[in-house]
Structures are given as C-alpha cells and as structure tokens.
N, C-alpha and C. Protein backbone atom coordinates (compact mmCIF):
# COMPACT_ATOMS: atom_id res chain seq x y z
N UNK A 1 40.98 -144.93 21.88
CA UNK A 1 41.21 -146.38 21.86
C UNK A 1 40.45 -147.02 23.01
N UNK A 2 39.70 -148.08 22.75
CA UNK A 2 39.01 -148.83 23.80
C UNK A 2 39.69 -150.18 23.94
N UNK A 3 39.90 -150.60 25.18
CA UNK A 3 40.68 -151.80 25.43
C UNK A 3 39.80 -153.03 25.57
N UNK A 4 38.92 -153.22 24.58
CA UNK A 4 37.99 -154.33 24.65
C UNK A 4 38.73 -155.67 24.55
N UNK A 5 39.74 -155.76 23.66
CA UNK A 5 40.42 -157.04 23.46
C UNK A 5 41.20 -157.45 24.70
N UNK A 6 41.77 -156.47 25.43
CA UNK A 6 42.55 -156.80 26.62
C UNK A 6 41.66 -157.23 27.77
N UNK A 7 40.41 -156.78 27.79
CA UNK A 7 39.55 -157.06 28.92
C UNK A 7 38.60 -158.23 28.67
N UNK A 8 38.66 -158.80 27.47
CA UNK A 8 37.70 -159.83 27.11
C UNK A 8 37.89 -161.12 27.90
N UNK A 9 39.07 -161.30 28.55
CA UNK A 9 39.31 -162.52 29.30
C UNK A 9 38.62 -162.50 30.66
N UNK A 10 38.14 -161.35 31.09
CA UNK A 10 37.50 -161.23 32.40
C UNK A 10 36.07 -161.75 32.33
N UNK A 11 35.92 -163.04 32.47
CA UNK A 11 34.59 -163.63 32.45
C UNK A 11 33.91 -163.56 31.10
N UNK A 12 34.66 -163.34 30.03
CA UNK A 12 34.08 -163.26 28.70
C UNK A 12 33.33 -161.98 28.45
N UNK A 13 33.44 -161.01 29.34
CA UNK A 13 32.73 -159.74 29.20
C UNK A 13 33.68 -158.64 28.74
N UNK A 14 33.14 -157.70 27.99
CA UNK A 14 33.93 -156.57 27.49
C UNK A 14 33.61 -155.33 28.31
N UNK A 15 34.65 -154.57 28.59
CA UNK A 15 34.46 -153.30 29.27
C UNK A 15 35.39 -152.27 28.64
N UNK A 16 34.86 -151.11 28.35
CA UNK A 16 35.69 -150.02 27.85
C UNK A 16 36.39 -149.35 29.04
N UNK A 17 37.59 -148.85 28.79
CA UNK A 17 38.34 -148.22 29.86
C UNK A 17 39.23 -147.11 29.31
N UNK A 18 39.44 -146.08 30.12
CA UNK A 18 40.36 -145.02 29.73
C UNK A 18 41.81 -145.45 29.89
N UNK A 19 42.05 -146.37 30.82
CA UNK A 19 43.40 -146.87 31.05
C UNK A 19 43.33 -148.31 31.52
N UNK A 20 44.32 -149.08 31.11
CA UNK A 20 44.44 -150.48 31.54
C UNK A 20 45.85 -150.69 32.05
N UNK A 21 45.96 -151.32 33.22
CA UNK A 21 47.26 -151.67 33.77
C UNK A 21 47.41 -153.18 33.66
N UNK A 22 48.40 -153.61 32.90
CA UNK A 22 48.68 -155.04 32.77
C UNK A 22 49.69 -155.45 33.83
N UNK A 23 49.31 -156.42 34.65
CA UNK A 23 50.23 -156.97 35.64
C UNK A 23 50.42 -158.47 35.42
N UNK A 24 50.03 -158.95 34.24
CA UNK A 24 50.23 -160.36 33.90
C UNK A 24 51.61 -160.55 33.31
N UNK A 25 52.07 -161.79 33.24
CA UNK A 25 53.38 -162.09 32.68
C UNK A 25 53.46 -161.61 31.23
N UNK A 26 54.62 -161.09 30.85
CA UNK A 26 54.78 -160.53 29.50
C UNK A 26 54.40 -161.53 28.40
N UNK A 27 54.79 -162.81 28.49
CA UNK A 27 54.38 -163.75 27.43
C UNK A 27 52.87 -163.90 27.32
N UNK A 28 52.14 -163.63 28.40
CA UNK A 28 50.69 -163.71 28.34
C UNK A 28 50.07 -162.42 27.81
N UNK A 29 50.81 -161.33 27.93
CA UNK A 29 50.32 -160.06 27.40
C UNK A 29 50.46 -159.99 25.88
N UNK A 30 51.52 -160.56 25.35
CA UNK A 30 51.83 -160.43 23.92
C UNK A 30 50.65 -160.79 23.02
N UNK A 31 49.99 -161.94 23.19
CA UNK A 31 48.89 -162.27 22.26
C UNK A 31 47.64 -161.41 22.45
N UNK A 32 47.57 -160.63 23.53
CA UNK A 32 46.43 -159.76 23.76
C UNK A 32 46.60 -158.41 23.09
N UNK A 33 47.81 -158.10 22.64
CA UNK A 33 48.08 -156.80 22.04
C UNK A 33 47.56 -156.75 20.61
N UNK A 34 47.15 -155.59 20.15
CA UNK A 34 46.66 -155.46 18.77
C UNK A 34 47.81 -155.60 17.78
N UNK A 35 47.48 -155.98 16.57
CA UNK A 35 48.50 -156.19 15.54
C UNK A 35 49.14 -154.89 15.07
N UNK A 36 48.63 -153.77 15.53
CA UNK A 36 49.18 -152.47 15.12
C UNK A 36 50.53 -152.17 15.75
N UNK A 37 50.96 -152.99 16.72
CA UNK A 37 52.26 -152.73 17.38
C UNK A 37 53.15 -153.97 17.29
N UNK A 38 53.48 -154.42 16.08
CA UNK A 38 54.26 -155.66 15.93
C UNK A 38 55.64 -155.56 16.55
N UNK A 39 56.29 -154.38 16.46
CA UNK A 39 57.62 -154.23 17.04
C UNK A 39 57.58 -154.38 18.56
N UNK A 40 56.56 -153.83 19.18
CA UNK A 40 56.41 -153.95 20.63
C UNK A 40 56.13 -155.40 21.03
N UNK A 41 55.27 -156.06 20.26
CA UNK A 41 55.00 -157.47 20.52
C UNK A 41 56.28 -158.30 20.43
N UNK A 42 57.07 -158.05 19.40
CA UNK A 42 58.31 -158.80 19.21
C UNK A 42 59.30 -158.52 20.33
N UNK A 43 59.36 -157.28 20.76
CA UNK A 43 60.28 -156.91 21.84
C UNK A 43 59.93 -157.65 23.13
N UNK A 44 58.64 -157.68 23.47
CA UNK A 44 58.24 -158.39 24.69
C UNK A 44 58.44 -159.89 24.54
N UNK A 45 58.14 -160.42 23.36
CA UNK A 45 58.26 -161.86 23.13
C UNK A 45 59.72 -162.32 23.17
N UNK A 46 60.66 -161.40 22.96
CA UNK A 46 62.08 -161.77 22.95
C UNK A 46 62.64 -161.97 24.36
N UNK A 47 61.87 -161.60 25.39
CA UNK A 47 62.33 -161.77 26.77
C UNK A 47 61.99 -163.18 27.23
N UNK A 48 63.01 -163.92 27.61
CA UNK A 48 62.84 -165.30 28.04
C UNK A 48 62.76 -165.40 29.56
N UNK A 49 62.10 -166.44 30.02
CA UNK A 49 61.89 -166.62 31.45
C UNK A 49 62.25 -168.03 31.88
N UNK A 50 62.59 -168.17 33.15
CA UNK A 50 62.69 -169.49 33.76
C UNK A 50 61.43 -169.71 34.59
N UNK A 51 61.07 -170.97 34.77
CA UNK A 51 59.89 -171.33 35.54
C UNK A 51 60.28 -171.61 37.00
N UNK A 52 59.29 -171.76 37.84
CA UNK A 52 59.54 -172.09 39.24
C UNK A 52 58.43 -172.98 39.76
N UNK A 53 58.81 -173.90 40.63
CA UNK A 53 57.84 -174.62 41.46
C UNK A 53 58.22 -174.32 42.91
N UNK A 54 57.22 -174.08 43.72
CA UNK A 54 57.47 -173.67 45.11
C UNK A 54 56.73 -174.59 46.06
N UNK A 55 57.42 -175.00 47.09
CA UNK A 55 56.79 -175.77 48.16
C UNK A 55 56.68 -174.87 49.38
N UNK A 56 55.45 -174.65 49.83
CA UNK A 56 55.20 -173.88 51.04
C UNK A 56 54.84 -174.86 52.15
N UNK A 57 55.61 -174.80 53.24
CA UNK A 57 55.39 -175.70 54.37
C UNK A 57 54.94 -174.90 55.59
N UNK A 58 53.87 -175.36 56.21
CA UNK A 58 53.46 -174.86 57.52
C UNK A 58 53.93 -175.91 58.51
N UNK A 59 54.91 -175.56 59.35
CA UNK A 59 55.57 -176.55 60.21
C UNK A 59 55.57 -176.12 61.67
N UNK A 60 55.73 -177.09 62.54
CA UNK A 60 55.65 -176.85 63.98
C UNK A 60 56.87 -176.11 64.53
N UNK A 61 58.04 -176.34 63.92
CA UNK A 61 59.27 -175.76 64.45
C UNK A 61 60.10 -175.15 63.31
N UNK A 62 60.88 -174.16 63.64
CA UNK A 62 61.73 -173.52 62.65
C UNK A 62 62.86 -174.46 62.22
N UNK A 63 63.25 -174.34 60.96
CA UNK A 63 64.35 -175.14 60.43
C UNK A 63 65.71 -174.49 60.70
N UNK A 64 65.71 -173.18 60.92
CA UNK A 64 66.94 -172.44 61.19
C UNK A 64 66.56 -171.16 61.91
N UNK A 65 67.56 -170.33 62.18
CA UNK A 65 67.28 -169.03 62.78
C UNK A 65 67.42 -167.90 61.76
N UNK A 66 67.45 -168.26 60.47
CA UNK A 66 67.64 -167.29 59.40
C UNK A 66 66.37 -167.10 58.59
N UNK A 67 66.24 -165.92 57.99
CA UNK A 67 65.15 -165.67 57.06
C UNK A 67 65.44 -166.34 55.72
N UNK A 68 66.68 -166.18 55.24
CA UNK A 68 67.05 -166.67 53.90
C UNK A 68 68.35 -167.45 54.01
N UNK A 69 68.32 -168.69 53.56
CA UNK A 69 69.52 -169.53 53.57
C UNK A 69 69.83 -169.97 52.14
N UNK A 70 70.99 -169.55 51.62
CA UNK A 70 71.43 -170.02 50.31
C UNK A 70 72.09 -171.39 50.47
N UNK A 71 71.86 -172.28 49.51
CA UNK A 71 72.34 -173.66 49.61
C UNK A 71 73.18 -174.00 48.38
N UNK A 72 74.37 -174.53 48.62
CA UNK A 72 75.25 -174.98 47.54
C UNK A 72 75.78 -176.36 47.93
N UNK A 73 74.98 -177.35 47.64
CA UNK A 73 75.29 -178.72 48.05
C UNK A 73 74.78 -179.64 46.95
N UNK A 74 75.65 -180.49 46.43
CA UNK A 74 75.29 -181.35 45.30
C UNK A 74 74.18 -182.34 45.66
N UNK A 75 73.94 -182.55 46.94
CA UNK A 75 72.88 -183.47 47.36
C UNK A 75 71.51 -182.80 47.37
N UNK A 76 71.50 -181.47 47.26
CA UNK A 76 70.26 -180.70 47.37
C UNK A 76 69.91 -180.15 45.99
N UNK A 77 68.69 -180.37 45.52
CA UNK A 77 68.33 -179.95 44.16
C UNK A 77 67.68 -178.57 44.11
N UNK A 78 67.61 -177.87 45.23
CA UNK A 78 67.17 -176.48 45.23
C UNK A 78 68.24 -175.65 45.91
N UNK A 79 68.21 -174.35 45.66
CA UNK A 79 69.34 -173.53 46.14
C UNK A 79 68.97 -172.49 47.18
N UNK A 80 67.79 -172.61 47.77
CA UNK A 80 67.43 -171.65 48.79
C UNK A 80 66.31 -172.14 49.68
N UNK A 81 66.36 -171.70 50.92
CA UNK A 81 65.32 -171.99 51.91
C UNK A 81 64.95 -170.67 52.57
N UNK A 82 63.69 -170.30 52.45
CA UNK A 82 63.23 -169.02 52.99
C UNK A 82 62.22 -169.30 54.09
N UNK A 83 62.47 -168.76 55.28
CA UNK A 83 61.56 -168.93 56.41
C UNK A 83 60.97 -167.56 56.76
N UNK A 84 59.78 -167.32 56.24
CA UNK A 84 59.15 -166.02 56.43
C UNK A 84 58.89 -165.73 57.90
N UNK A 85 58.56 -166.75 58.65
CA UNK A 85 58.23 -166.53 60.05
C UNK A 85 59.43 -166.10 60.88
N UNK A 86 60.65 -166.29 60.37
CA UNK A 86 61.82 -165.77 61.07
C UNK A 86 61.97 -164.27 60.84
N UNK A 87 61.32 -163.77 59.80
CA UNK A 87 61.33 -162.33 59.53
C UNK A 87 60.11 -161.66 60.15
N UNK A 88 58.97 -162.33 60.04
CA UNK A 88 57.72 -161.77 60.53
C UNK A 88 56.82 -162.91 61.02
N UNK A 89 56.74 -163.13 62.31
CA UNK A 89 55.94 -164.25 62.83
C UNK A 89 54.48 -164.17 62.37
N UNK A 90 53.92 -165.33 61.99
CA UNK A 90 52.55 -165.40 61.49
C UNK A 90 51.65 -165.84 62.64
N UNK A 91 51.10 -164.90 63.35
CA UNK A 91 50.30 -165.22 64.52
C UNK A 91 49.06 -166.03 64.18
N UNK A 92 48.53 -165.83 62.97
CA UNK A 92 47.28 -166.52 62.62
C UNK A 92 47.49 -168.02 62.46
N UNK A 93 48.73 -168.50 62.44
CA UNK A 93 49.00 -169.92 62.33
C UNK A 93 49.24 -170.56 63.69
N UNK A 94 48.93 -169.85 64.75
CA UNK A 94 49.01 -170.44 66.08
C UNK A 94 50.39 -170.90 66.47
N UNK A 95 51.40 -170.11 66.11
CA UNK A 95 52.77 -170.44 66.49
C UNK A 95 53.51 -171.29 65.48
N UNK A 96 52.85 -171.71 64.41
CA UNK A 96 53.54 -172.51 63.39
C UNK A 96 54.52 -171.65 62.60
N UNK A 97 55.47 -172.30 61.96
CA UNK A 97 56.48 -171.63 61.14
C UNK A 97 56.11 -171.78 59.66
N UNK A 98 56.54 -170.81 58.87
CA UNK A 98 56.29 -170.82 57.43
C UNK A 98 57.62 -170.92 56.69
N UNK A 99 57.80 -172.02 55.97
CA UNK A 99 59.01 -172.22 55.17
C UNK A 99 58.64 -172.31 53.70
N UNK A 100 59.46 -171.69 52.87
CA UNK A 100 59.17 -171.56 51.44
C UNK A 100 60.41 -172.02 50.68
N UNK A 101 60.23 -173.03 49.82
CA UNK A 101 61.36 -173.58 49.06
C UNK A 101 61.09 -173.40 47.57
N UNK A 102 61.74 -172.41 46.92
CA UNK A 102 61.55 -172.22 45.48
C UNK A 102 62.55 -173.06 44.68
N UNK A 103 62.08 -173.63 43.59
CA UNK A 103 62.93 -174.46 42.74
C UNK A 103 62.82 -173.90 41.32
N UNK A 104 63.84 -173.17 40.87
CA UNK A 104 63.83 -172.55 39.55
C UNK A 104 64.40 -173.50 38.52
N UNK A 105 63.81 -173.46 37.31
CA UNK A 105 64.23 -174.40 36.27
C UNK A 105 63.62 -174.00 34.93
N UNK A 106 64.17 -174.49 33.81
CA UNK A 106 63.47 -174.33 32.53
C UNK A 106 62.15 -175.09 32.58
N UNK A 107 61.14 -174.55 31.94
CA UNK A 107 59.80 -175.15 32.00
C UNK A 107 59.74 -176.53 31.33
N UNK A 108 60.74 -176.85 30.49
CA UNK A 108 60.71 -178.15 29.82
C UNK A 108 61.44 -179.24 30.60
N UNK A 109 61.90 -178.92 31.82
CA UNK A 109 62.54 -179.93 32.64
C UNK A 109 61.50 -180.90 33.20
N UNK A 110 61.89 -182.14 33.37
CA UNK A 110 60.98 -183.16 33.90
C UNK A 110 60.47 -182.78 35.29
N UNK A 111 61.33 -182.13 36.06
CA UNK A 111 60.96 -181.73 37.41
C UNK A 111 59.73 -180.83 37.45
N UNK A 112 59.52 -180.09 36.37
CA UNK A 112 58.39 -179.15 36.34
C UNK A 112 57.05 -179.88 36.27
N UNK A 113 57.05 -181.12 35.83
CA UNK A 113 55.80 -181.87 35.73
C UNK A 113 55.75 -183.05 36.71
N UNK A 114 56.70 -183.09 37.63
CA UNK A 114 56.62 -184.11 38.66
C UNK A 114 55.30 -184.02 39.41
N UNK A 115 54.71 -185.14 39.82
CA UNK A 115 53.54 -185.09 40.70
C UNK A 115 53.88 -184.32 41.98
N UNK A 116 52.92 -183.60 42.51
CA UNK A 116 53.18 -182.77 43.69
C UNK A 116 53.67 -183.60 44.87
N UNK A 117 53.11 -184.79 45.06
CA UNK A 117 53.54 -185.62 46.19
C UNK A 117 55.00 -186.03 46.05
N UNK A 118 55.43 -186.35 44.82
CA UNK A 118 56.82 -186.73 44.60
C UNK A 118 57.76 -185.56 44.87
N UNK A 119 57.35 -184.37 44.42
CA UNK A 119 58.17 -183.18 44.66
C UNK A 119 58.29 -182.92 46.16
N UNK A 120 57.18 -183.00 46.87
CA UNK A 120 57.17 -182.75 48.31
C UNK A 120 58.08 -183.74 49.03
N UNK A 121 57.98 -185.01 48.67
CA UNK A 121 58.82 -186.02 49.31
C UNK A 121 60.30 -185.79 49.05
N UNK A 122 60.63 -185.37 47.83
CA UNK A 122 62.03 -185.11 47.49
C UNK A 122 62.57 -183.92 48.29
N UNK A 123 61.75 -182.87 48.45
CA UNK A 123 62.17 -181.72 49.23
C UNK A 123 62.35 -182.11 50.69
N UNK A 124 61.43 -182.90 51.22
CA UNK A 124 61.53 -183.33 52.61
C UNK A 124 62.84 -184.09 52.84
N UNK A 125 63.22 -184.95 51.89
CA UNK A 125 64.48 -185.67 52.00
C UNK A 125 65.67 -184.73 52.07
N UNK A 126 65.61 -183.63 51.32
CA UNK A 126 66.69 -182.64 51.36
C UNK A 126 66.68 -181.87 52.67
N UNK A 127 65.50 -181.57 53.18
CA UNK A 127 65.42 -180.84 54.45
C UNK A 127 66.02 -181.67 55.59
N UNK A 128 65.91 -182.98 55.49
CA UNK A 128 66.50 -183.85 56.52
C UNK A 128 68.02 -183.78 56.49
N UNK A 129 68.59 -183.42 55.34
CA UNK A 129 70.04 -183.21 55.24
C UNK A 129 70.41 -181.83 55.79
N UNK A 130 69.64 -180.83 55.40
CA UNK A 130 69.93 -179.45 55.81
C UNK A 130 69.74 -179.28 57.32
N UNK A 131 68.69 -179.89 57.83
CA UNK A 131 68.31 -179.73 59.25
C UNK A 131 68.13 -181.13 59.85
N UNK A 132 69.19 -181.76 60.37
CA UNK A 132 69.11 -183.15 60.84
C UNK A 132 68.03 -183.40 61.89
N UNK A 133 67.67 -182.37 62.66
CA UNK A 133 66.64 -182.57 63.68
C UNK A 133 65.23 -182.51 63.11
N UNK A 134 65.10 -182.14 61.83
CA UNK A 134 63.78 -182.03 61.21
C UNK A 134 63.08 -183.39 61.19
N UNK A 135 61.80 -183.36 61.48
CA UNK A 135 60.98 -184.57 61.43
C UNK A 135 59.70 -184.26 60.65
N UNK A 136 59.31 -185.15 59.77
CA UNK A 136 58.15 -184.89 58.92
C UNK A 136 56.87 -184.73 59.73
N UNK A 137 56.87 -185.17 60.97
CA UNK A 137 55.70 -184.97 61.82
C UNK A 137 55.48 -183.50 62.15
N UNK A 138 56.50 -182.67 61.90
CA UNK A 138 56.36 -181.23 62.11
C UNK A 138 55.39 -180.60 61.12
N UNK A 139 55.20 -181.24 59.97
CA UNK A 139 54.46 -180.62 58.86
C UNK A 139 52.96 -180.61 59.15
N UNK A 140 52.39 -179.41 59.17
CA UNK A 140 50.94 -179.27 59.28
C UNK A 140 50.28 -179.24 57.89
N UNK A 141 50.97 -178.60 56.96
CA UNK A 141 50.40 -178.43 55.62
C UNK A 141 51.52 -178.24 54.61
N UNK A 142 51.35 -178.81 53.43
CA UNK A 142 52.32 -178.65 52.34
C UNK A 142 51.56 -178.26 51.07
N UNK A 143 51.97 -177.17 50.45
CA UNK A 143 51.28 -176.65 49.27
C UNK A 143 52.32 -176.42 48.17
N UNK A 144 52.06 -176.96 46.98
CA UNK A 144 52.94 -176.76 45.83
C UNK A 144 52.27 -175.81 44.84
N UNK A 145 53.00 -174.77 44.45
CA UNK A 145 52.53 -173.86 43.41
C UNK A 145 53.59 -173.79 42.32
N UNK A 146 53.22 -173.23 41.17
CA UNK A 146 54.19 -173.11 40.09
C UNK A 146 53.84 -171.95 39.17
N UNK A 147 54.86 -171.50 38.46
CA UNK A 147 54.70 -170.37 37.54
C UNK A 147 55.62 -170.58 36.35
N UNK A 148 55.06 -170.53 35.16
CA UNK A 148 55.87 -170.70 33.94
C UNK A 148 56.82 -169.54 33.71
N UNK A 149 56.44 -168.35 34.15
CA UNK A 149 57.21 -167.15 33.82
C UNK A 149 57.63 -166.45 35.11
N UNK A 150 58.46 -167.12 35.88
CA UNK A 150 58.78 -166.63 37.22
C UNK A 150 59.88 -165.57 37.23
N UNK A 151 60.92 -165.77 36.45
CA UNK A 151 62.08 -164.90 36.51
C UNK A 151 62.61 -164.66 35.10
N UNK A 152 62.74 -163.40 34.74
CA UNK A 152 63.29 -163.08 33.42
C UNK A 152 64.77 -163.42 33.36
N UNK A 153 65.22 -163.86 32.20
CA UNK A 153 66.65 -164.07 31.95
C UNK A 153 67.19 -162.76 31.39
N UNK A 154 68.21 -162.22 32.04
CA UNK A 154 68.68 -160.86 31.73
C UNK A 154 70.08 -160.90 31.11
N UNK A 155 70.18 -161.03 29.80
CA UNK A 155 71.48 -161.04 29.14
C UNK A 155 72.04 -159.62 29.04
N UNK A 156 73.29 -159.45 28.58
CA UNK A 156 73.83 -158.10 28.38
C UNK A 156 72.91 -157.27 27.49
N UNK A 157 72.73 -156.03 27.86
CA UNK A 157 71.86 -155.14 27.10
C UNK A 157 70.39 -155.25 27.46
N UNK A 158 70.09 -155.96 28.54
CA UNK A 158 68.68 -156.19 28.89
C UNK A 158 67.94 -154.89 29.20
N UNK A 159 68.66 -153.90 29.71
CA UNK A 159 67.99 -152.63 30.05
C UNK A 159 67.36 -151.97 28.83
N UNK A 160 67.84 -152.32 27.63
CA UNK A 160 67.27 -151.76 26.40
C UNK A 160 66.05 -152.56 25.92
N UNK A 161 65.79 -153.71 26.56
CA UNK A 161 64.70 -154.57 26.11
C UNK A 161 63.51 -154.55 27.06
N UNK A 162 63.74 -154.24 28.31
CA UNK A 162 62.63 -154.30 29.27
C UNK A 162 61.61 -153.21 28.95
N UNK A 163 60.34 -153.49 29.18
CA UNK A 163 59.30 -152.54 28.79
C UNK A 163 59.23 -151.34 29.73
N UNK A 164 58.92 -150.19 29.16
CA UNK A 164 58.66 -149.00 29.96
C UNK A 164 57.26 -149.12 30.56
N UNK A 165 56.98 -148.42 31.66
CA UNK A 165 55.62 -148.50 32.25
C UNK A 165 54.53 -148.07 31.27
N UNK A 166 54.78 -147.07 30.46
CA UNK A 166 53.80 -146.63 29.47
C UNK A 166 54.06 -147.36 28.16
N UNK A 167 53.11 -148.16 27.72
CA UNK A 167 53.26 -148.90 26.47
C UNK A 167 53.05 -147.96 25.29
N UNK A 168 53.49 -148.36 24.08
CA UNK A 168 53.29 -147.51 22.90
C UNK A 168 51.86 -147.59 22.36
N UNK A 169 50.91 -147.67 23.26
CA UNK A 169 49.49 -147.67 22.94
C UNK A 169 48.82 -146.75 23.97
N UNK A 170 48.12 -145.74 23.54
CA UNK A 170 47.53 -144.79 24.49
C UNK A 170 46.65 -145.50 25.53
N UNK A 171 46.92 -145.24 26.80
CA UNK A 171 46.10 -145.79 27.85
C UNK A 171 46.51 -147.14 28.38
N UNK A 172 47.55 -147.76 27.80
CA UNK A 172 48.02 -149.06 28.28
C UNK A 172 49.29 -148.88 29.09
N UNK A 173 49.30 -149.44 30.29
CA UNK A 173 50.47 -149.39 31.17
C UNK A 173 50.84 -150.81 31.59
N UNK A 174 52.13 -151.02 31.78
CA UNK A 174 52.63 -152.35 32.11
C UNK A 174 53.40 -152.28 33.42
N UNK A 175 53.05 -153.16 34.34
CA UNK A 175 53.79 -153.31 35.59
C UNK A 175 54.32 -154.74 35.61
N UNK A 176 55.63 -154.89 35.57
CA UNK A 176 56.22 -156.22 35.47
C UNK A 176 57.56 -156.23 36.21
N UNK A 177 57.91 -157.36 36.79
CA UNK A 177 59.14 -157.44 37.59
C UNK A 177 60.40 -157.21 36.76
N UNK A 178 60.32 -157.38 35.43
CA UNK A 178 61.49 -157.10 34.60
C UNK A 178 61.90 -155.63 34.71
N UNK A 179 60.95 -154.76 35.05
CA UNK A 179 61.23 -153.33 35.14
C UNK A 179 62.06 -152.96 36.36
N UNK A 180 62.29 -153.92 37.26
CA UNK A 180 63.13 -153.67 38.44
C UNK A 180 64.61 -153.79 38.11
N UNK A 181 64.94 -154.35 36.96
CA UNK A 181 66.34 -154.52 36.55
C UNK A 181 67.09 -153.18 36.61
N UNK A 182 68.31 -153.14 37.16
CA UNK A 182 69.19 -154.25 37.56
C UNK A 182 68.99 -154.76 38.98
N UNK A 183 68.00 -154.23 39.70
CA UNK A 183 67.70 -154.76 41.03
C UNK A 183 66.96 -156.09 40.88
N UNK A 184 67.01 -156.90 41.93
CA UNK A 184 66.30 -158.16 41.92
C UNK A 184 64.83 -157.93 42.24
N UNK A 185 64.00 -158.93 41.99
CA UNK A 185 62.58 -158.82 42.28
C UNK A 185 62.34 -158.73 43.78
N UNK A 186 61.41 -157.89 44.18
CA UNK A 186 61.04 -157.78 45.59
C UNK A 186 59.68 -157.10 45.68
N UNK A 187 58.97 -157.34 46.77
CA UNK A 187 57.64 -156.76 46.94
C UNK A 187 57.69 -155.24 47.00
N UNK A 188 58.68 -154.71 47.72
CA UNK A 188 58.76 -153.25 47.85
C UNK A 188 59.03 -152.60 46.50
N UNK A 189 59.82 -153.27 45.65
CA UNK A 189 60.07 -152.74 44.31
C UNK A 189 58.81 -152.72 43.47
N UNK A 190 58.01 -153.78 43.56
CA UNK A 190 56.78 -153.84 42.78
C UNK A 190 55.76 -152.81 43.27
N UNK A 191 55.72 -152.59 44.58
CA UNK A 191 54.83 -151.55 45.12
C UNK A 191 55.25 -150.19 44.57
N UNK A 192 56.57 -149.97 44.48
CA UNK A 192 57.06 -148.72 43.93
C UNK A 192 56.66 -148.55 42.47
N UNK A 193 56.75 -149.62 41.67
CA UNK A 193 56.34 -149.55 40.27
C UNK A 193 54.85 -149.25 40.15
N UNK A 194 54.05 -149.91 40.98
CA UNK A 194 52.60 -149.69 40.94
C UNK A 194 52.27 -148.24 41.28
N UNK A 195 52.97 -147.67 42.24
CA UNK A 195 52.73 -146.27 42.58
C UNK A 195 53.11 -145.35 41.43
N UNK A 196 54.23 -145.67 40.78
CA UNK A 196 54.65 -144.85 39.64
C UNK A 196 53.59 -144.84 38.54
N UNK A 197 53.07 -146.02 38.22
CA UNK A 197 52.04 -146.11 37.18
C UNK A 197 50.76 -145.43 37.63
N UNK A 198 50.43 -145.57 38.90
CA UNK A 198 49.23 -144.88 39.41
C UNK A 198 49.33 -143.38 39.25
N UNK A 199 50.51 -142.82 39.53
CA UNK A 199 50.71 -141.37 39.36
C UNK A 199 50.64 -140.98 37.89
N UNK A 200 51.17 -141.85 37.01
CA UNK A 200 51.13 -141.57 35.57
C UNK A 200 49.68 -141.51 35.07
N UNK A 201 48.88 -142.46 35.52
CA UNK A 201 47.47 -142.48 35.10
C UNK A 201 46.73 -141.28 35.67
N UNK A 202 47.01 -140.97 36.93
CA UNK A 202 46.31 -139.86 37.59
C UNK A 202 46.59 -138.53 36.92
N UNK A 203 47.78 -138.41 36.32
CA UNK A 203 48.17 -137.14 35.73
C UNK A 203 47.87 -137.03 34.23
N UNK A 204 47.32 -138.11 33.65
CA UNK A 204 47.09 -138.09 32.19
C UNK A 204 45.89 -137.20 31.82
C-alpha cells in the first residue's frame, strides 16, 4: 500500500512511504482515508469535539503565584488561567510573564467567531476582576489562537471508540490526544504515545 492520498496535501506533491503517522485531528483524517475502510471512517467520525480559543498574554508582572488557577465565577466567561512562567520562567522574554487563557466552547457558539480584539478586551475585563492590581499597561503582546477540534467529548464507553495507534490499514499509525483516555491531555502523555508508535514502526 502506498500512502499517496494521505500525503497529497503536502504542497500538492505525492510521496510514497512505508509508514505514515497521522497527528492531525481525527475529523481531518477521516476524509483522507480510503473508501476501503468505511467502518473505521465511521468510528472516527463518531467522536465529537469541543473547540477552543486561547489568549496568550506576554505581561510585565505575574497575575498570581500559581501555575494553574481554576475559576468558578459567574462574572468570568472562562474557567481557567494558566501562567506558564510560574512553572518555568521564560528567560528569552526578558523577565516577562506568560499567561494563557483557554476558552472551550462548541464551535457554533458566537464567541468562536468574535473579532480577536473584542475577545481580548473581554478577557482583560475579567482579569481585572480576578487580579484587581492588574493593569493593561502590563501587556507586551496579546495573541489569539483557536482550534475546532481541541478536546474530545468522552461519553460512557469511550474507551471502545478511541482509535488504536495502529490503524486497520497497513503502515498507517495514528497519534491523537483521544488515546490518552481516561487520563487528561498533556505533553508528557503525547510524547509517550509518539514513542510507542515510533517503536511500533521500528519493529515492523
């Protein structure tokens, strides 16, 4: 089997390969699969996801002394504040702090298509509630990113639906955060999955 169809998106060029590792979101993998595996396509397509928009702030001062702060306040429209620099200082930013505010939601919510400036201003208003001493003059840079398929929805029986690393197509392997279930997504978990697939390919 040659994986020409899976590789055709890379600059419009085709390359044959003995093995392909898919690390793209499962909904994006489904239409790339051949029609010879309809059950596998349907299984992957049945996994639903929530979307996320994230505001990354490079700021002069820390907002708290914590790495991760969970928020349960009706005045705040996001439920977490992550300050990476409280876990690992970013020397390359010259002493600045790195704050990350993820906002999870269904992709059809109006918030998902808000202009970036409006989203940033709304988050800043919430930060002024969370951290009364916060001043917008602290902000060096604000970056908004988003992902349609950020987090899988895991109903009962999800362990029977998540894909195995080896797909039912010779030479195709899948690395996806759904495979960490029942653990939550994390970088160390994904590194572990990548190593597992690497060993599988090396031993084939």
